[in-house]
Amino acid sequence: MEALLNNETYFFRDRAMFDLLADHVLPELSRTRASTRTLAVWSVGCSTGQEALSLAMLFAEQEARWSGWTINILGTDVSEPVIANARAACYTPFQIQRGLAVGQMVKWFDETPQGWRAREKLRRMVRFEKHNLLDPLPNPCSFDIVLCRNVLLYFDDATRTRAFGRVASALAPDGWLMLGAGETTIGQTDRIAPDRTLRGLYRHASFEPAEQRSCSSRRAAG
């Protein structure tokens, strides 16, 4: 099984998508979750952990906004060896330079004899677990953001539909899903649909933004 897995990953892969999270998704969640000041994020197929740590850096670099919040980032993968590497959070010179600016590298990682290790502040925000997407859901079971990128490409149609069902069950009613550039929900599931304004992001098909609900209520009242 290990020989069949594609563990390709790097920091801030497809940087434009992380910019969408930083500039649009996180500001919205900071408003909608203000009462609980808690966020849960799931990185599916996290491989050696760079995606989950990239998410941690997004939050850490918006320190004023997230001060006093509880941020839970879960990274899961079916491969035990890559999860062990993710937990170590230590990267070779080649790995650390893929996707990271020099400033980020020296700010968030320490050079050690074993490699470049993520600093404790980032490591505390992330936990890694072995998990198969088709198995029962990990905890917590309601995630505000799910990143499932380039995982579903390798599934047949029936398995992909089943996987989308797992993701939909794990996603909060107003949560956000990010897929890979070559993936889509169209024709695969009726539970999740593309977001109407942010290309590459997805919501529950039944989700209706607050402003649209308000307009609908006014029309009904009129």
Protein backbone atom coordinates (compact mmCIF):
# COMPACT_ATOMS: atom_id res chain seq x y z
CA MET A 1 0.00 0.00 0.00
CA GLU A 2 2.81 2.42 0.89
CA ALA A 3 4.29 1.96 -2.59
CA LEU A 4 1.01 3.08 -4.17
CA LEU A 5 0.68 6.31 -2.18
CA ASN A 6 1.62 9.70 -3.60
CA ASN A 7 3.01 11.70 -0.68
CA GLU A 8 3.87 14.82 -2.71
CA THR A 9 3.37 17.98 -0.64
CA TYR A 10 5.06 21.26 0.20
CA PHE A 11 4.47 24.41 2.22
CA PHE A 12 1.70 26.74 0.99
CA ARG A 13 1.03 24.56 -2.02
CA ASP A 14 -1.03 26.61 -4.51
CA ARG A 15 -0.35 29.84 -2.65
CA ALA A 16 -3.40 31.59 -4.13
CA MET A 17 -5.68 29.21 -2.26
CA PHE A 18 -4.00 30.02 1.06
CA ASP A 19 -4.46 33.70 0.21
CA LEU A 20 -8.21 33.04 -0.15
CA LEU A 21 -8.23 31.49 3.29
CA ALA A 22 -6.25 34.34 4.84
CA ASP A 23 -8.11 37.19 3.14
CA HIS A 24 -11.70 35.90 3.02
CA VAL A 25 -12.41 32.69 4.94
CA LEU A 26 -10.57 33.42 8.19
CA PRO A 27 -11.98 36.97 8.58
CA GLU A 28 -15.50 35.58 8.11
CA LEU A 29 -14.92 32.81 10.64
CA SER A 30 -13.50 35.29 13.14
CA ARG A 31 -16.94 36.96 13.07
CA THR A 32 -19.16 33.89 12.99
CA ARG A 33 -17.21 32.06 15.72
CA ALA A 34 -16.70 35.11 17.97
CA SER A 35 -19.03 33.72 20.64
CA THR A 36 -17.04 30.49 21.11
CA ARG A 37 -13.59 31.70 20.00
CA THR A 38 -12.83 28.18 18.82
CA LEU A 39 -11.95 26.88 15.36
CA ALA A 40 -11.37 23.35 14.08
CA VAL A 41 -9.53 22.65 10.82
CA TRP A 42 -8.95 19.26 9.15
CA SER A 43 -6.15 18.60 6.66
CA VAL A 44 -7.04 15.32 4.93
CA GLY A 45 -4.19 13.37 3.36
CA CYS A 46 -1.69 15.61 5.13
CA SER A 47 1.36 13.52 4.18
CA THR A 48 4.45 14.79 6.04
CA GLY A 49 2.60 17.74 7.55
CA GLN A 50 3.53 20.79 5.48
CA GLU A 51 -0.09 21.71 4.70
CA ALA A 52 -1.19 21.55 8.33
CA LEU A 53 1.82 23.62 9.41
CA SER A 54 1.10 26.14 6.65
CA LEU A 55 -2.35 26.56 8.19
CA ALA A 56 -0.78 27.03 11.60
CA MET A 57 1.43 29.77 10.15
CA LEU A 58 -1.64 31.55 8.73
CA PHE A 59 -3.11 31.78 12.21
CA ALA A 60 0.20 32.63 13.87
CA GLU A 61 0.79 35.47 11.43
CA GLN A 62 -2.63 36.94 12.32
CA GLU A 63 -1.78 36.90 16.01
CA ALA A 64 -3.85 39.95 16.99
CA ARG A 65 -7.01 38.50 15.44
CA TRP A 66 -6.68 35.08 17.08
CA SER A 67 -5.36 36.05 20.50
CA GLY A 68 -7.37 34.16 23.13
CA TRP A 69 -8.82 31.69 20.62
CA THR A 70 -8.49 27.91 20.63
CA ILE A 71 -7.28 26.75 17.23
CA ASN A 72 -7.38 22.99 16.62
CA ILE A 73 -5.70 21.78 13.43
CA LEU A 74 -5.90 18.05 12.69
CA GLY A 75 -3.75 16.42 10.01
CA THR A 76 -4.59 12.87 8.97
CA ASP A 77 -3.12 10.39 6.54
CA VAL A 78 -3.49 6.68 5.90
CA SER A 79 0.30 6.17 6.00
CA GLU A 80 1.90 5.58 9.38
CA PRO A 81 5.45 6.51 8.21
CA VAL A 82 4.43 9.92 6.89
CA ILE A 83 2.40 10.63 10.03
CA ALA A 84 5.51 9.86 12.09
CA ASN A 85 7.43 12.38 9.97
CA ALA A 86 4.67 14.95 10.37
CA ARG A 87 4.73 14.57 14.15
CA ALA A 88 8.49 15.13 14.14
CA ALA A 89 7.89 18.38 12.15
CA CYS A 90 11.52 18.29 11.00
CA TYR A 91 12.39 18.92 7.35
CA THR A 92 15.38 18.62 5.06
CA PRO A 93 16.90 21.73 3.40
CA PHE A 94 15.09 20.73 0.19
CA GLN A 95 11.71 20.37 1.94
CA ILE A 96 11.96 23.56 3.98
CA GLN A 97 12.66 25.69 0.91
CA ARG A 98 9.66 24.43 -1.06
CA GLY A 99 6.95 27.07 -0.67
CA LEU A 100 8.49 29.04 2.20
CA ALA A 101 10.03 32.47 1.95
CA VAL A 102 13.33 32.86 3.78
CA GLY A 103 11.67 35.14 6.33
CA GLN A 104 9.05 32.52 7.19
CA MET A 105 11.67 29.81 7.35
CA VAL A 106 13.81 31.57 9.95
CA LYS A 107 10.79 32.89 11.87
CA TRP A 108 8.96 29.60 12.34
CA PHE A 109 11.68 26.93 12.13
CA ASP A 110 14.91 26.21 13.96
CA GLU A 111 17.90 24.62 12.26
CA THR A 112 18.95 21.46 14.11
CA PRO A 113 21.42 18.64 13.32
CA GLN A 114 18.42 16.58 12.15
CA GLY A 115 16.96 19.33 9.92
CA TRP A 116 14.68 22.36 10.15
CA ARG A 117 12.17 21.81 12.96
CA ALA A 118 8.92 23.74 13.39
CA ARG A 119 8.90 25.86 16.52
CA GLU A 120 6.82 24.84 19.49
CA LYS A 121 4.17 27.50 18.86
CA LEU A 122 3.27 25.85 15.56
CA ARG A 123 3.56 22.30 16.86
CA ARG A 124 1.13 23.04 19.70
CA MET A 125 -1.54 24.08 17.19
CA VAL A 126 -1.43 20.85 15.18
CA ARG A 127 -1.95 17.19 15.95
CA PHE A 128 -1.45 14.32 13.53
CA GLU A 129 -3.32 11.02 13.43
CA LYS A 130 -3.40 8.00 11.16
CA HIS A 131 -6.83 7.89 9.54
CA ASN A 132 -8.45 6.58 6.38
CA LEU A 133 -10.95 9.04 4.91
CA LEU A 134 -13.39 6.17 4.35
CA ASP A 135 -13.33 5.17 8.02
CA PRO A 136 -15.48 6.69 10.83
CA LEU A 137 -14.76 10.35 11.32
CA PRO A 138 -12.03 11.70 13.61
CA ASN A 139 -12.76 14.02 16.51
CA PRO A 140 -13.87 16.77 16.59
CA CYS A 141 -16.61 15.84 14.14
CA SER A 142 -17.54 19.38 13.12
CA PHE A 143 -14.81 21.21 11.25
CA ASP A 144 -14.95 24.85 10.21
CA ILE A 145 -12.47 24.28 7.38
CA VAL A 146 -11.61 21.02 5.61
CA LEU A 147 -8.72 20.79 3.16
CA CYS A 148 -8.99 17.64 1.04
CA ARG A 149 -6.69 18.38 -1.87
CA ASN A 150 -5.52 15.90 -4.48
CA VAL A 151 -6.81 13.01 -2.37
CA LEU A 152 -9.96 12.13 -4.30
CA LEU A 153 -8.19 12.04 -7.70
CA TYR A 154 -7.18 8.45 -7.08
CA PHE A 155 -10.62 7.11 -6.16
CA ASP A 156 -13.17 5.55 -8.50
CA ASP A 157 -16.55 7.27 -8.77
CA ALA A 158 -18.32 5.18 -6.15
CA THR A 159 -15.50 5.56 -3.62
CA ARG A 160 -15.25 9.30 -4.33
CA THR A 161 -18.96 9.74 -3.63
CA ARG A 162 -18.56 7.83 -0.38
CA ALA A 163 -15.59 10.01 0.58
CA PHE A 164 -17.58 13.18 -0.12
CA GLY A 165 -20.22 11.84 2.25
CA ARG A 166 -17.61 11.53 4.99
CA VAL A 167 -16.37 15.06 4.35
CA ALA A 168 -19.89 16.49 4.29
CA SER A 169 -20.68 14.85 7.61
CA ALA A 170 -17.53 16.35 9.13
CA LEU A 171 -18.05 19.87 7.79
CA ALA A 172 -19.86 22.44 9.95
CA PRO A 173 -23.16 23.68 8.46
CA ASP A 174 -21.49 26.96 7.43
CA GLY A 175 -18.00 25.49 7.01
CA TRP A 176 -15.63 25.67 4.06
CA LEU A 177 -14.12 22.89 1.95
CA MET A 178 -11.05 23.27 -0.25
CA LEU A 179 -10.30 20.72 -2.96
CA GLY A 180 -7.36 20.37 -5.32
CA ALA A 181 -7.26 22.30 -8.58
CA GLY A 182 -8.22 19.21 -10.61
CA GLU A 183 -11.08 18.14 -8.35
CA THR A 184 -14.75 19.08 -8.20
CA THR A 185 -17.96 18.10 -6.47
CA ILE A 186 -20.01 18.41 -9.66
CA GLY A 187 -21.46 15.04 -10.60
CA GLN A 188 -19.92 13.45 -7.51
CA THR A 189 -22.17 14.51 -4.64
CA ASP A 190 -25.35 16.47 -4.04
CA ARG A 191 -24.33 17.43 -0.49
CA ILE A 192 -21.55 19.91 -1.31
CA ALA A 193 -21.50 22.59 -4.01
CA PRO A 194 -19.04 25.22 -5.28
CA ASP A 195 -19.11 28.52 -3.41
CA ARG A 196 -20.81 31.23 -5.46
CA THR A 197 -18.07 33.82 -5.07
CA LEU A 198 -14.76 32.15 -4.13
CA ARG A 199 -13.55 29.83 -6.86
CA GLY A 200 -11.97 26.64 -5.59
CA LEU A 201 -13.90 26.66 -2.31
CA TYR A 202 -17.05 24.70 -1.50
CA ARG A 203 -19.93 24.84 0.99
CA HIS A 204 -22.82 22.59 1.94
CA ALA A 205 -25.29 22.58 -0.93
CA SER A 206 -28.00 23.59 1.55
CA PHE A 207 -25.99 26.54 2.91
CA GLU A 208 -27.51 29.97 2.41
CA PRO A 209 -25.47 33.06 3.42
CA ALA A 210 -27.03 35.28 6.08
CA GLU A 211 -27.61 38.17 3.65
CA GLN A 212 -29.48 35.87 1.28
CA ARG A 213 -31.60 34.49 4.13
CA SER A 214 -32.42 38.07 5.11
CA CYS A 215 -33.48 38.93 1.55
CA SER A 216 -35.56 35.76 1.35
CA SER A 217 -37.30 36.64 4.62
CA ARG A 218 -38.08 40.15 3.41
CA ARG A 219 -39.51 38.83 0.15
CA ALA A 220 -41.62 36.32 2.06
CA ALA A 221 -42.86 39.03 4.43
CA GLY A 222 -43.72 41.29 1.51
